[in-house]
């Protein structure tokens, strides 16, 4: 994503991700379901419970939880997308851009 002009901040733990996001509110959060401590669903819950972060678009991606039940759960918790890996880079970028556009267009 960096060669396309996106600034990427990579972390592997929920607490670290929340600290980073609170220090500099990101335009979008892209999270794998699997994390070093906890999982992407717990991270999503904490982001959506935080008044500073709840409006940040949250995209989840997974190569291990690739079923509609997991997608439905993520979307019900507030994710704007739940993507299955492998994913073509241009499709990932299109999904990210769509989420950013939706955020700009929402009241």
PDB file of N, CA and C in Angstrom:
ATOM      1  N   UNK A   1       0.809  -1.212   0.000  1.00  0.00           N
ATOM      2  CA  UNK A   1       0.000   0.000   0.000  1.00  0.00           C
ATOM      3  C   UNK A   1       0.852   1.275   0.000  1.00  0.00           C
ATOM      4  N   UNK A   2       2.030   1.207   0.611  1.00  0.00           N
ATOM      5  CA  UNK A   2       2.882   2.394   0.654  1.00  0.00           C
ATOM      6  C   UNK A   2       3.288   2.891  -0.735  1.00  0.00           C
ATOM      7  N   UNK A   3       3.617   1.996  -1.700  1.00  0.00           N
ATOM      8  CA  UNK A   3       3.962   2.498  -3.034  1.00  0.00           C
ATOM      9  C   UNK A   3       2.807   3.245  -3.714  1.00  0.00           C
ATOM     10  N   UNK A   4       1.583   3.034  -3.217  1.00  0.00           N
ATOM     11  CA  UNK A   4       0.426   3.720  -3.788  1.00  0.00           C
ATOM     12  C   UNK A   4       0.112   5.026  -3.072  1.00  0.00           C
ATOM     13  N   UNK A   5       0.975   5.397  -2.118  1.00  0.00           N
ATOM     14  CA  UNK A   5       0.796   6.675  -1.447  1.00  0.00           C
ATOM     15  C   UNK A   5       0.135   6.603  -0.082  1.00  0.00           C
ATOM     16  N   UNK A   6      -0.170   5.405   0.378  1.00  0.00           N
ATOM     17  CA  UNK A   6      -0.769   5.255   1.699  1.00  0.00           C
ATOM     18  C   UNK A   6       0.321   5.169   2.758  1.00  0.00           C
ATOM     19  N   UNK A   7       0.088   5.814   3.891  1.00  0.00           N
ATOM     20  CA  UNK A   7       0.981   5.646   5.025  1.00  0.00           C
ATOM     21  C   UNK A   7       0.474   4.449   5.816  1.00  0.00           C
ATOM     22  N   UNK A   8       1.340   3.512   6.080  1.00  0.00           N
ATOM     23  CA  UNK A   8       0.962   2.282   6.777  1.00  0.00           C
ATOM     24  C   UNK A   8       1.685   2.226   8.114  1.00  0.00           C
ATOM     25  N   UNK A   9       0.915   1.993   9.163  1.00  0.00           N
ATOM     26  CA  UNK A   9       1.481   1.780  10.494  1.00  0.00           C
ATOM     27  C   UNK A   9       1.097   0.362  10.887  1.00  0.00           C
ATOM     28  N   UNK A  10       2.086  -0.488  11.049  1.00  0.00           N
ATOM     29  CA  UNK A  10       1.831  -1.902  11.334  1.00  0.00           C
ATOM     30  C   UNK A  10       2.089  -2.204  12.804  1.00  0.00           C
ATOM     31  N   UNK A  11       1.143  -2.877  13.423  1.00  0.00           N
ATOM     32  CA  UNK A  11       1.269  -3.341  14.804  1.00  0.00           C
ATOM     33  C   UNK A  11       0.682  -4.740  14.876  1.00  0.00           C
ATOM     34  N   UNK A  12       0.954  -5.455  15.956  1.00  0.00           N
ATOM     35  CA  UNK A  12       0.435  -6.820  16.045  1.00  0.00           C
ATOM     36  C   UNK A  12      -0.417  -7.068  17.282  1.00  0.00           C
ATOM     37  N   UNK A  13      -0.480  -6.106  18.181  1.00  0.00           N
ATOM     38  CA  UNK A  13      -1.247  -6.278  19.419  1.00  0.00           C
ATOM     39  C   UNK A  13      -2.344  -5.224  19.514  1.00  0.00           C
ATOM     40  N   UNK A  14      -3.469  -5.614  20.086  1.00  0.00           N
ATOM     41  CA  UNK A  14      -4.618  -4.714  20.191  1.00  0.00           C
ATOM     42  C   UNK A  14      -4.259  -3.450  20.955  1.00  0.00           C
ATOM     43  N   UNK A  15      -3.627  -3.581  22.112  1.00  0.00           N
ATOM     44  CA  UNK A  15      -3.304  -2.413  22.933  1.00  0.00           C
ATOM     45  C   UNK A  15      -2.424  -1.432  22.160  1.00  0.00           C
ATOM     46  N   UNK A  16      -1.447  -1.957  21.455  1.00  0.00           N
ATOM     47  CA  UNK A  16      -0.560  -1.111  20.663  1.00  0.00           C
ATOM     48  C   UNK A  16      -1.328  -0.435  19.525  1.00  0.00           C
ATOM     49  N   UNK A  17      -2.208  -1.169  18.891  1.00  0.00           N
ATOM     50  CA  UNK A  17      -3.007  -0.609  17.796  1.00  0.00           C
ATOM     51  C   UNK A  17      -3.903   0.515  18.303  1.00  0.00           C
ATOM     52  N   UNK A  18      -4.547   0.301  19.452  1.00  0.00           N
ATOM     53  CA  UNK A  18      -5.414   1.334  20.015  1.00  0.00           C
ATOM     54  C   UNK A  18      -4.608   2.568  20.400  1.00  0.00           C
ATOM     55  N   UNK A  19      -3.447   2.386  21.007  1.00  0.00           N
ATOM     56  CA  UNK A  19      -2.598   3.525  21.368  1.00  0.00           C
ATOM     57  C   UNK A  19      -2.200   4.318  20.133  1.00  0.00           C
ATOM     58  N   UNK A  20      -1.765   3.621  19.100  1.00  0.00           N
ATOM     59  CA  UNK A  20      -1.363   4.288  17.853  1.00  0.00           C
ATOM     60  C   UNK A  20      -2.537   5.050  17.245  1.00  0.00           C
ATOM     61  N   UNK A  21      -3.690   4.407  17.206  1.00  0.00           N
ATOM     62  CA  UNK A  21      -4.867   5.025  16.590  1.00  0.00           C
ATOM     63  C   UNK A  21      -5.337   6.247  17.369  1.00  0.00           C
ATOM     64  N   UNK A  22      -5.257   6.197  18.677  1.00  0.00           N
ATOM     65  CA  UNK A  22      -5.674   7.348  19.496  1.00  0.00           C
ATOM     66  C   UNK A  22      -4.711   8.520  19.366  1.00  0.00           C
ATOM     67  N   UNK A  23      -3.444   8.229  19.155  1.00  0.00           N
ATOM     68  CA  UNK A  23      -2.443   9.297  19.008  1.00  0.00           C
ATOM     69  C   UNK A  23      -2.596  10.036  17.687  1.00  0.00           C
ATOM     70  N   UNK A  24      -2.894   9.315  16.649  1.00  0.00           N
ATOM     71  CA  UNK A  24      -3.089   9.902  15.320  1.00  0.00           C
ATOM     72  C   UNK A  24      -4.237   9.149  14.664  1.00  0.00           C
ATOM     73  N   UNK A  25      -5.431   9.736  14.722  1.00  0.00           N
ATOM     74  CA  UNK A  25      -6.632   9.058  14.213  1.00  0.00           C
ATOM     75  C   UNK A  25      -6.409   8.689  12.744  1.00  0.00           C
ATOM     76  N   UNK A  26      -6.484   7.387  12.446  1.00  0.00           N
ATOM     77  CA  UNK A  26      -6.243   6.955  11.062  1.00  0.00           C
ATOM     78  C   UNK A  26      -7.457   7.200  10.167  1.00  0.00           C
ATOM     79  N   UNK A  27      -7.221   7.223   8.881  1.00  0.00           N
ATOM     80  CA  UNK A  27      -8.318   7.321   7.914  1.00  0.00           C
ATOM     81  C   UNK A  27      -9.049   6.002   7.784  1.00  0.00           C
ATOM     82  N   UNK A  28      -8.347   4.890   8.081  1.00  0.00           N
ATOM     83  CA  UNK A  28      -8.917   3.554   7.933  1.00  0.00           C
ATOM     84  C   UNK A  28      -8.071   2.583   8.750  1.00  0.00           C
ATOM     85  N   UNK A  29      -8.724   1.555   9.272  1.00  0.00           N
ATOM     86  CA  UNK A  29      -8.021   0.472   9.953  1.00  0.00           C
ATOM     87  C   UNK A  29      -8.215  -0.792   9.136  1.00  0.00           C
ATOM     88  N   UNK A  30      -7.118  -1.441   8.811  1.00  0.00           N
ATOM     89  CA  UNK A  30      -7.122  -2.728   8.118  1.00  0.00           C
ATOM     90  C   UNK A  30      -6.542  -3.734   9.095  1.00  0.00           C
ATOM     91  N   UNK A  31      -7.345  -4.725   9.479  1.00  0.00           N
ATOM     92  CA  UNK A  31      -6.907  -5.670  10.500  1.00  0.00           C
ATOM     93  C   UNK A  31      -7.126  -7.103  10.052  1.00  0.00           C
ATOM     94  N   UNK A  32      -6.133  -7.917  10.308  1.00  0.00           N
ATOM     95  CA  UNK A  32      -6.291  -9.354  10.143  1.00  0.00           C
ATOM     96  C   UNK A  32      -7.161  -9.843  11.304  1.00  0.00           C
ATOM     97  N   UNK A  33      -7.812 -10.962  11.130  1.00  0.00           N
ATOM     98  CA  UNK A  33      -8.562 -11.559  12.230  1.00  0.00           C
ATOM     99  C   UNK A  33      -7.588 -12.081  13.281  1.00  0.00           C
ATOM    100  N   UNK A  34      -6.518 -12.713  12.846  1.00  0.00           N
ATOM    101  CA  UNK A  34      -5.540 -13.271  13.779  1.00  0.00           C
ATOM    102  C   UNK A  34      -4.550 -12.195  14.193  1.00  0.00           C
ATOM    103  N   UNK A  35      -4.382 -12.056  15.505  1.00  0.00           N
ATOM    104  CA  UNK A  35      -3.430 -11.096  16.048  1.00  0.00           C
ATOM    105  C   UNK A  35      -2.584 -11.806  17.099  1.00  0.00           C
ATOM    106  N   UNK A  36      -1.472 -11.193  17.455  1.00  0.00           N
ATOM    107  CA  UNK A  36      -0.577 -11.793  18.432  1.00  0.00           C
ATOM    108  C   UNK A  36      -1.283 -12.023  19.769  1.00  0.00           C
ATOM    109  N   UNK A  37      -2.007 -11.029  20.220  1.00  0.00           N
ATOM    110  CA  UNK A  37      -2.775 -11.138  21.462  1.00  0.00           C
ATOM    111  C   UNK A  37      -4.204 -10.712  21.147  1.00  0.00           C
ATOM    112  N   UNK A  38      -5.139 -11.599  21.309  1.00  0.00           N
ATOM    113  CA  UNK A  38      -6.521 -11.289  20.963  1.00  0.00           C
ATOM    114  C   UNK A  38      -6.781 -11.574  19.499  1.00  0.00           C
ATOM    115  N   UNK A  39      -7.868 -11.014  19.005  1.00  0.00           N
ATOM    116  CA  UNK A  39      -8.200 -11.210  17.595  1.00  0.00           C
ATOM    117  C   UNK A  39      -8.827  -9.945  17.029  1.00  0.00           C
ATOM    118  N   UNK A  40      -8.997  -9.938  15.738  1.00  0.00           N
ATOM    119  CA  UNK A  40      -9.540  -8.775  15.059  1.00  0.00           C
ATOM    120  C   UNK A  40     -10.951  -8.425  15.488  1.00  0.00           C
ATOM    121  N   UNK A  41     -11.731  -9.417  15.906  1.00  0.00           N
ATOM    122  CA  UNK A  41     -13.088  -9.132  16.361  1.00  0.00           C
ATOM    123  C   UNK A  41     -13.072  -8.334  17.658  1.00  0.00           C
ATOM    124  N   UNK A  42     -12.191  -8.704  18.568  1.00  0.00           N
ATOM    125  CA  UNK A  42     -12.062  -7.951  19.823  1.00  0.00           C
ATOM    126  C   UNK A  42     -11.531  -6.553  19.543  1.00  0.00           C
ATOM    127  N   UNK A  43     -10.580  -6.450  18.644  1.00  0.00           N
ATOM    128  CA  UNK A  43     -10.056  -5.142  18.250  1.00  0.00           C
ATOM    129  C   UNK A  43     -11.177  -4.282  17.670  1.00  0.00           C
ATOM    130  N   UNK A  44     -11.979  -4.846  16.789  1.00  0.00           N
ATOM    131  CA  UNK A  44     -13.112  -4.136  16.202  1.00  0.00           C
ATOM    132  C   UNK A  44     -14.079  -3.659  17.283  1.00  0.00           C
ATOM    133  N   UNK A  45     -14.403  -4.529  18.224  1.00  0.00           N
ATOM    134  CA  UNK A  45     -15.306  -4.139  19.323  1.00  0.00           C
ATOM    135  C   UNK A  45     -14.751  -2.938  20.084  1.00  0.00           C
ATOM    136  N   UNK A  46     -13.460  -2.975  20.384  1.00  0.00           N
ATOM    137  CA  UNK A  46     -12.858  -1.883  21.148  1.00  0.00           C
ATOM    138  C   UNK A  46     -12.803  -0.583  20.347  1.00  0.00           C
ATOM    139  N   UNK A  47     -12.527  -0.678  19.068  1.00  0.00           N
ATOM    140  CA  UNK A  47     -12.520   0.521  18.217  1.00  0.00           C
ATOM    141  C   UNK A  47     -13.909   1.139  18.176  1.00  0.00           C
ATOM    142  N   UNK A  48     -14.928   0.330  17.969  1.00  0.00           N
ATOM    143  CA  UNK A  48     -16.287   0.859  17.846  1.00  0.00           C
ATOM    144  C   UNK A  48     -16.837   1.355  19.177  1.00  0.00           C
ATOM    145  N   UNK A  49     -16.254   0.929  20.297  1.00  0.00           N
ATOM    146  CA  UNK A  49     -16.672   1.410  21.614  1.00  0.00           C
ATOM    147  C   UNK A  49     -15.967   2.710  21.999  1.00  0.00           C
ATOM    148  N   UNK A  50     -14.950   3.091  21.258  1.00  0.00           N
ATOM    149  CA  UNK A  50     -14.158   4.272  21.576  1.00  0.00           C
ATOM    150  C   UNK A  50     -14.707   5.484  20.819  1.00  0.00           C
ATOM    151  N   UNK A  51     -15.156   6.517  21.535  1.00  0.00           N
ATOM    152  CA  UNK A  51     -15.719   7.694  20.848  1.00  0.00           C
ATOM    153  C   UNK A  51     -14.755   8.353  19.859  1.00  0.00           C
ATOM    154  N   UNK A  52     -13.460   8.282  20.128  1.00  0.00           N
ATOM    155  CA  UNK A  52     -12.478   8.875  19.209  1.00  0.00           C
ATOM    156  C   UNK A  52     -12.333   8.085  17.913  1.00  0.00           C
ATOM    157  N   UNK A  53     -12.587   6.776  17.977  1.00  0.00           N
ATOM    158  CA  UNK A  53     -12.280   5.901  16.847  1.00  0.00           C
ATOM    159  C   UNK A  53     -13.492   5.314  16.139  1.00  0.00           C
ATOM    160  N   UNK A  54     -14.654   5.387  16.747  1.00  0.00           N
ATOM    161  CA  UNK A  54     -15.804   4.642  16.207  1.00  0.00           C
ATOM    162  C   UNK A  54     -16.170   4.993  14.769  1.00  0.00           C
ATOM    163  N   UNK A  55     -15.836   6.191  14.315  1.00  0.00           N
ATOM    164  CA  UNK A  55     -16.197   6.546  12.932  1.00  0.00           C
ATOM    165  C   UNK A  55     -15.132   6.150  11.910  1.00  0.00           C
ATOM    166  N   UNK A  56     -14.018   5.600  12.376  1.00  0.00           N
ATOM    167  CA  UNK A  56     -12.947   5.184  11.460  1.00  0.00           C
ATOM    168  C   UNK A  56     -13.387   3.908  10.738  1.00  0.00           C
ATOM    169  N   UNK A  57     -13.367   3.897   9.417  1.00  0.00           N
ATOM    170  CA  UNK A  57     -13.710   2.671   8.690  1.00  0.00           C
ATOM    171  C   UNK A  57     -12.767   1.533   9.085  1.00  0.00           C
ATOM    172  N   UNK A  58     -13.344   0.356   9.276  1.00  0.00           N
ATOM    173  CA  UNK A  58     -12.599  -0.806   9.753  1.00  0.00           C
ATOM    174  C   UNK A  58     -12.798  -1.931   8.753  1.00  0.00           C
ATOM    175  N   UNK A  59     -11.712  -2.388   8.172  1.00  0.00           N
ATOM    176  CA  UNK A  59     -11.742  -3.481   7.199  1.00  0.00           C
ATOM    177  C   UNK A  59     -11.039  -4.678   7.823  1.00  0.00           C
ATOM    178  N   UNK A  60     -11.709  -5.818   7.827  1.00  0.00           N
ATOM    179  CA  UNK A  60     -11.100  -7.049   8.328  1.00  0.00           C
ATOM    180  C   UNK A  60     -10.741  -7.929   7.143  1.00  0.00           C
ATOM    181  N   UNK A  61      -9.655  -8.667   7.332  1.00  0.00           N
ATOM    182  CA  UNK A  61      -9.188  -9.560   6.276  1.00  0.00           C
ATOM    183  C   UNK A  61      -8.736 -10.865   6.919  1.00  0.00           C
ATOM    184  N   UNK A  62      -9.021 -11.983   6.259  1.00  0.00           N
ATOM    185  CA  UNK A  62      -8.652 -13.270   6.847  1.00  0.00           C
ATOM    186  C   UNK A  62      -8.425 -14.328   5.781  1.00  0.00           C
ATOM    187  N   UNK A  63      -7.487 -15.200   6.084  1.00  0.00           N
ATOM    188  CA  UNK A  63      -7.292 -16.382   5.242  1.00  0.00           C
ATOM    189  C   UNK A  63      -7.704 -17.638   5.993  1.00  0.00           C
ATOM    190  N   UNK A  64      -8.026 -17.501   7.272  1.00  0.00           N
ATOM    191  CA  UNK A  64      -8.401 -18.671   8.066  1.00  0.00           C
ATOM    192  C   UNK A  64      -9.889 -18.725   8.398  1.00  0.00           C
ATOM    193  N   UNK A  65     -10.541 -17.579   8.477  1.00  0.00           N
ATOM    194  CA  UNK A  65     -11.973 -17.534   8.779  1.00  0.00           C
ATOM    195  C   UNK A  65     -12.706 -17.013   7.554  1.00  0.00           C
ATOM    196  N   UNK A  66     -12.862 -17.885   6.585  1.00  0.00           N
ATOM    197  CA  UNK A  66     -13.393 -17.486   5.276  1.00  0.00           C
ATOM    198  C   UNK A  66     -14.783 -18.054   5.044  1.00  0.00           C
ATOM    199  N   UNK A  67     -15.696 -17.693   5.915  1.00  0.00           N
ATOM    200  CA  UNK A  67     -17.070 -18.143   5.715  1.00  0.00           C
ATOM    201  C   UNK A  67     -18.023 -16.992   5.990  1.00  0.00           C
ATOM    202  N   UNK A  68     -19.241 -17.148   5.540  1.00  0.00           N
ATOM    203  CA  UNK A  68     -20.231 -16.077   5.655  1.00  0.00           C
ATOM    204  C   UNK A  68     -20.612 -15.783   7.105  1.00  0.00           C
ATOM    205  N   UNK A  69     -20.503 -16.764   7.979  1.00  0.00           N
ATOM    206  CA  UNK A  69     -20.819 -16.531   9.392  1.00  0.00           C
ATOM    207  C   UNK A  69     -19.852 -15.510   9.992  1.00  0.00           C
ATOM    208  N   UNK A  70     -18.576 -15.622   9.666  1.00  0.00           N
ATOM    209  CA  UNK A  70     -17.576 -14.679  10.169  1.00  0.00           C
ATOM    210  C   UNK A  70     -17.763 -13.297   9.538  1.00  0.00           C
ATOM    211  N   UNK A  71     -18.077 -13.279   8.237  1.00  0.00           N
ATOM    212  CA  UNK A  71     -18.336 -11.991   7.572  1.00  0.00           C
ATOM    213  C   UNK A  71     -19.539 -11.301   8.222  1.00  0.00           C
ATOM    214  N   UNK A  72     -20.590 -12.054   8.459  1.00  0.00           N
ATOM    215  CA  UNK A  72     -21.790 -11.487   9.075  1.00  0.00           C
ATOM    216  C   UNK A  72     -21.485 -10.939  10.464  1.00  0.00           C
ATOM    217  N   UNK A  73     -20.691 -11.666  11.240  1.00  0.00           N
ATOM    218  CA  UNK A  73     -20.308 -11.201  12.564  1.00  0.00           C
ATOM    219  C   UNK A  73     -19.536  -9.888  12.472  1.00  0.00           C
ATOM    220  N   UNK A  74     -18.548  -9.840  11.614  1.00  0.00           N
ATOM    221  CA  UNK A  74     -17.736  -8.627  11.477  1.00  0.00           C
ATOM    222  C   UNK A  74     -18.586  -7.432  11.064  1.00  0.00           C
ATOM    223  N   UNK A  75     -19.460  -7.621  10.102  1.00  0.00           N
ATOM    224  CA  UNK A  75     -20.303  -6.523   9.644  1.00  0.00           C
ATOM    225  C   UNK A  75     -21.273  -6.085  10.732  1.00  0.00           C
ATOM    226  N   UNK A  76     -21.790  -7.038  11.512  1.00  0.00           N
ATOM    227  CA  UNK A  76     -22.715  -6.685  12.599  1.00  0.00           C
ATOM    228  C   UNK A  76     -22.005  -5.910  13.713  1.00  0.00           C
ATOM    229  N   UNK A  77     -20.701  -6.108  13.849  1.00  0.00           N
ATOM    230  CA  UNK A  77     -19.926  -5.382  14.860  1.00  0.00           C
ATOM    231  C   UNK A  77     -19.471  -4.003  14.373  1.00  0.00           C
ATOM    232  N   UNK A  78     -19.692  -3.718  13.088  1.00  0.00           N
ATOM    233  CA  UNK A  78     -19.371  -2.392  12.576  1.00  0.00           C
ATOM    234  C   UNK A  78     -18.291  -2.326  11.520  1.00  0.00           C
ATOM    235  N   UNK A  79     -17.755  -3.469  11.103  1.00  0.00           N
ATOM    236  CA  UNK A  79     -16.765  -3.448  10.015  1.00  0.00           C
ATOM    237  C   UNK A  79     -17.454  -2.982   8.732  1.00  0.00           C
ATOM    238  N   UNK A  80     -16.722  -2.245   7.917  1.00  0.00           N
ATOM    239  CA  UNK A  80     -17.309  -1.842   6.634  1.00  0.00           C
ATOM    240  C   UNK A  80     -17.051  -2.880   5.555  1.00  0.00           C
ATOM    241  N   UNK A  81     -16.046  -3.739   5.762  1.00  0.00           N
ATOM    242  CA  UNK A  81     -15.746  -4.830   4.825  1.00  0.00           C
ATOM    243  C   UNK A  81     -15.132  -5.990   5.600  1.00  0.00           C
ATOM    244  N   UNK A  82     -15.361  -7.191   5.079  1.00  0.00           N
ATOM    245  CA  UNK A  82     -14.699  -8.398   5.574  1.00  0.00           C
ATOM    246  C   UNK A  82     -14.216  -9.126   4.335  1.00  0.00           C
ATOM    247  N   UNK A  83     -12.922  -9.159   4.144  1.00  0.00           N
ATOM    248  CA  UNK A  83     -12.349  -9.682   2.915  1.00  0.00           C
ATOM    249  C   UNK A  83     -11.653 -11.008   3.157  1.00  0.00           C
ATOM    250  N   UNK A  84     -11.738 -11.875   2.166  1.00  0.00           N
ATOM    251  CA  UNK A  84     -11.095 -13.185   2.240  1.00  0.00           C
ATOM    252  C   UNK A  84      -9.787 -13.148   1.463  1.00  0.00           C
ATOM    253  N   UNK A  85      -8.759 -13.748   2.044  1.00  0.00           N
ATOM    254  CA  UNK A  85      -7.485 -13.918   1.368  1.00  0.00           C
ATOM    255  C   UNK A  85      -7.428 -15.309   0.789  1.00  0.00           C
ATOM    256  N   UNK A  86      -6.775 -15.503  -0.307  1.00  0.00           N
ATOM    257  CA  UNK A  86      -5.976 -14.526  -1.051  1.00  0.00           C
ATOM    258  C   UNK A  86      -6.872 -13.511  -1.758  1.00  0.00           C
ATOM    259  N   UNK A  87      -6.336 -12.321  -1.898  1.00  0.00           N
ATOM    260  CA  UNK A  87      -7.060 -11.246  -2.572  1.00  0.00           C
ATOM    261  C   UNK A  87      -6.084 -10.538  -3.507  1.00  0.00           C
ATOM    262  N   UNK A  88      -6.533 -10.249  -4.673  1.00  0.00           N
ATOM    263  CA  UNK A  88      -5.697  -9.534  -5.641  1.00  0.00           C
ATOM    264  C   UNK A  88      -5.426  -8.125  -5.117  1.00  0.00           C
ATOM    265  N   UNK A  89      -4.207  -7.649  -5.258  1.00  0.00           N
ATOM    266  CA  UNK A  89      -3.869  -6.315  -4.733  1.00  0.00           C
ATOM    267  C   UNK A  89      -4.797  -5.207  -5.233  1.00  0.00           C
ATOM    268  N   UNK A  90      -5.156  -5.241  -6.498  1.00  0.00           N
ATOM    269  CA  UNK A  90      -6.017  -4.179  -7.030  1.00  0.00           C
ATOM    270  C   UNK A  90      -7.421  -4.241  -6.423  1.00  0.00           C
ATOM    271  N   UNK A  91      -7.875  -5.421  -6.048  1.00  0.00           N
ATOM    272  CA  UNK A  91      -9.183  -5.534  -5.398  1.00  0.00           C
ATOM    273  C   UNK A  91      -9.108  -4.993  -3.971  1.00  0.00           C
ATOM    274  N   UNK A  92      -8.029  -5.306  -3.271  1.00  0.00           N
ATOM    275  CA  UNK A  92      -7.838  -4.768  -1.922  1.00  0.00           C
ATOM    276  C   UNK A  92      -7.817  -3.245  -1.961  1.00  0.00           C
ATOM    277  N   UNK A  93      -7.067  -2.679  -2.868  1.00  0.00           N
ATOM    278  CA  UNK A  93      -6.990  -1.223  -2.987  1.00  0.00           C
ATOM    279  C   UNK A  93      -8.363  -0.646  -3.321  1.00  0.00           C
ATOM    280  N   UNK A  94      -9.101  -1.275  -4.216  1.00  0.00           N
ATOM    281  CA  UNK A  94     -10.445  -0.792  -4.570  1.00  0.00           C
ATOM    282  C   UNK A  94     -11.373  -0.810  -3.355  1.00  0.00           C
ATOM    283  N   UNK A  95     -11.284  -1.848  -2.540  1.00  0.00           N
ATOM    284  CA  UNK A  95     -12.120  -1.927  -1.333  1.00  0.00           C
ATOM    285  C   UNK A  95     -11.742  -0.833  -0.335  1.00  0.00           C
ATOM    286  N   UNK A  96     -10.446  -0.608  -0.156  1.00  0.00           N
ATOM    287  CA  UNK A  96      -9.978   0.450   0.745  1.00  0.00           C
ATOM    288  C   UNK A  96     -10.465   1.806   0.249  1.00  0.00           C
ATOM    289  N   UNK A  97     -10.298   2.067  -1.030  1.00  0.00           N
ATOM    290  CA  UNK A  97     -10.734   3.344  -1.594  1.00  0.00           C
ATOM    291  C   UNK A  97     -12.240   3.528  -1.474  1.00  0.00           C
ATOM    292  N   UNK A  98     -13.001   2.454  -1.642  1.00  0.00           N
ATOM    293  CA  UNK A  98     -14.457   2.538  -1.490  1.00  0.00           C
ATOM    294  C   UNK A  98     -14.837   2.910  -0.055  1.00  0.00           C
ATOM    295  N   UNK A  99     -14.171   2.303   0.914  1.00  0.00           N
ATOM    296  CA  UNK A  99     -14.451   2.639   2.322  1.00  0.00           C
ATOM    297  C   UNK A  99     -14.109   4.091   2.627  1.00  0.00           C
ATOM    298  N   UNK A 100     -12.993   4.560   2.119  1.00  0.00           N
ATOM    299  CA  UNK A 100     -12.611   5.954   2.334  1.00  0.00           C
ATOM    300  C   UNK A 100     -13.595   6.906   1.665  1.00  0.00           C
ATOM    301  N   UNK A 101     -14.040   6.565   0.481  1.00  0.00           N
ATOM    302  CA  UNK A 101     -15.023   7.386  -0.243  1.00  0.00           C
ATOM    303  C   UNK A 101     -16.349   7.415   0.531  1.00  0.00           C
ATOM    304  N   UNK A 102     -16.786   6.249   1.010  1.00  0.00           N
ATOM    305  CA  UNK A 102     -18.033   6.176   1.779  1.00  0.00           C
ATOM    306  C   UNK A 102     -17.947   7.052   3.031  1.00  0.00           C
ATOM    307  N   UNK A 103     -16.795   7.056   3.676  1.00  0.00           N
ATOM    308  CA  UNK A 103     -16.633   7.887   4.877  1.00  0.00           C
ATOM    309  C   UNK A 103     -16.740   9.358   4.528  1.00  0.00           C
ATOM    310  N   UNK A 104     -16.091   9.769   3.438  1.00  0.00           N
ATOM    311  CA  UNK A 104     -16.143  11.179   3.025  1.00  0.00           C
ATOM    312  C   UNK A 104     -17.563  11.606   2.673  1.00  0.00           C
ATOM    313  N   UNK A 105     -18.339  10.696   2.088  1.00  0.00           N
ATOM    314  CA  UNK A 105     -19.679  11.015   1.611  1.00  0.00           C
ATOM    315  C   UNK A 105     -20.745  10.915   2.687  1.00  0.00           C
ATOM    316  N   UNK A 106     -20.427  10.290   3.829  1.00  0.00           N
ATOM    317  CA  UNK A 106     -21.441  10.129   4.874  1.00  0.00           C
ATOM    318  C   UNK A 106     -21.563  11.437   5.665  1.00  0.00           C
ATOM    319  N   UNK A 107     -22.784  11.721   6.112  1.00  0.00           N
ATOM    320  CA  UNK A 107     -23.010  12.975   6.850  1.00  0.00           C
ATOM    321  C   UNK A 107     -22.366  12.973   8.215  1.00  0.00           C
TER     322      UNK A 107
END
